Amino acid sequence: MVDLLSLARANPDWPLQNAQPPSELLRGIAEKEVEATKKRKQPTEDQLLTAPAIVYGFSFSIKKWGFFDVRGLREITFEDQAYDQWS
């Protein structure tokens, strides 16, 4: 889960480098942007070029806060026949 604000609240002494969590006043604006983003299909070229390579959040698999390198992310390729192979 990518959530810089919750990480900052749960770990006030966490070294965030140059990342800054949004203030409480900006949270409402950020939530509106999240809703607008849900409607958008693909990020623009400018958004891709200016997106951070590292994001902060919570790993549900190891149950810890941390940062994640997202430079290698790519679109998921689904294998529709995967379950049929186990028959």
Protein backbone atom coordinates (compact mmCIF):
# COMPACT_ATOMS: atom_id res chain seq x y z
CA MET A 1 0.00 0.00 0.00
CA VAL A 2 1.55 3.29 -1.05
CA ASP A 3 0.68 5.80 1.67
CA LEU A 4 3.24 8.44 2.62
CA LEU A 5 0.90 10.25 5.01
CA SER A 6 0.14 7.12 7.08
CA LEU A 7 3.83 6.17 7.13
CA ALA A 8 4.71 9.63 8.49
CA ARG A 9 2.01 9.36 11.17
CA ALA A 10 3.00 5.83 12.24
CA ASN A 11 6.75 6.53 12.12
CA PRO A 12 7.40 10.22 12.84
CA ASP A 13 11.18 9.72 12.93
CA TRP A 14 11.34 7.84 9.61
CA PRO A 15 14.01 9.34 7.28
CA LEU A 16 11.89 10.42 4.30
CA GLN A 17 14.81 11.94 2.37
CA ASN A 18 13.24 14.61 0.14
CA ALA A 19 9.69 13.14 0.25
CA GLN A 20 7.25 15.24 2.22
CA PRO A 21 3.90 13.91 3.44
CA PRO A 22 0.93 16.12 2.63
CA SER A 23 -0.43 18.25 5.45
CA GLU A 24 -3.88 17.63 6.88
CA LEU A 25 -5.14 20.65 4.92
CA LEU A 26 -3.98 19.09 1.66
CA ARG A 27 -5.40 15.64 2.43
CA GLY A 28 -8.84 16.52 1.01
CA ILE A 29 -7.24 17.75 -2.20
CA ALA A 30 -5.14 14.58 -2.40
CA GLU A 31 -8.25 12.43 -1.97
CA LYS A 32 -9.96 14.29 -4.84
CA GLU A 33 -6.89 13.67 -6.99
CA VAL A 34 -7.03 9.95 -6.16
CA GLU A 35 -10.66 9.84 -7.34
CA ALA A 36 -9.72 11.67 -10.54
CA THR A 37 -6.80 9.28 -11.06
CA LYS A 38 -9.10 6.25 -10.77
CA LYS A 39 -10.99 7.55 -13.81
CA ARG A 40 -7.80 8.01 -15.85
CA LYS A 41 -6.72 4.94 -17.83
CA GLN A 42 -3.04 5.60 -18.57
CA PRO A 43 -0.61 8.14 -17.12
CA THR A 44 0.50 10.88 -19.45
CA GLU A 45 4.06 10.96 -20.79
CA ASP A 46 4.86 13.92 -18.51
CA GLN A 47 3.55 12.03 -15.48
CA LEU A 48 5.72 9.04 -16.32
CA LEU A 49 8.81 11.21 -16.70
CA THR A 50 8.28 13.03 -13.41
CA ALA A 51 7.07 10.10 -11.31
CA PRO A 52 9.29 9.12 -8.37
CA ALA A 53 11.41 5.97 -8.65
CA ILE A 54 10.86 5.21 -4.97
CA VAL A 55 7.56 5.31 -3.12
CA TYR A 56 6.88 4.84 0.58
CA GLY A 57 4.26 2.53 1.98
CA PHE A 58 3.35 -0.65 3.85
CA SER A 59 4.15 -4.21 2.78
CA PHE A 60 1.32 -6.53 3.71
CA SER A 61 3.48 -9.59 3.03
CA ILE A 62 6.18 -8.70 5.59
CA LYS A 63 3.98 -6.42 7.75
CA LYS A 64 6.45 -3.51 7.74
CA TRP A 65 6.66 0.07 6.55
CA GLY A 66 9.33 0.79 3.99
CA PHE A 67 10.16 2.18 0.59
CA PHE A 68 9.74 0.47 -2.74
CA ASP A 69 11.73 0.84 -5.95
CA VAL A 70 9.15 1.08 -8.72
CA ARG A 71 11.47 1.65 -11.68
CA GLY A 72 11.05 -1.92 -12.92
CA LEU A 73 7.27 -2.05 -12.78
CA ARG A 74 5.51 -3.02 -15.96
CA GLU A 75 2.03 -3.92 -17.04
CA ILE A 76 0.85 -7.33 -15.85
CA THR A 77 0.46 -9.99 -18.52
CA PHE A 78 -2.30 -12.35 -17.49
CA GLU A 79 -2.24 -15.99 -18.56
CA ASP A 80 -5.90 -16.89 -19.06
CA GLN A 81 -5.14 -20.62 -19.41
CA ALA A 82 -3.02 -20.93 -16.24
CA TYR A 83 -5.68 -22.70 -14.17
CA ASP A 84 -6.50 -25.09 -16.99
CA GLN A 85 -2.91 -26.41 -16.93
CA TRP A 86 -3.39 -27.89 -13.43
CA SER A 87 -6.24 -30.18 -14.48
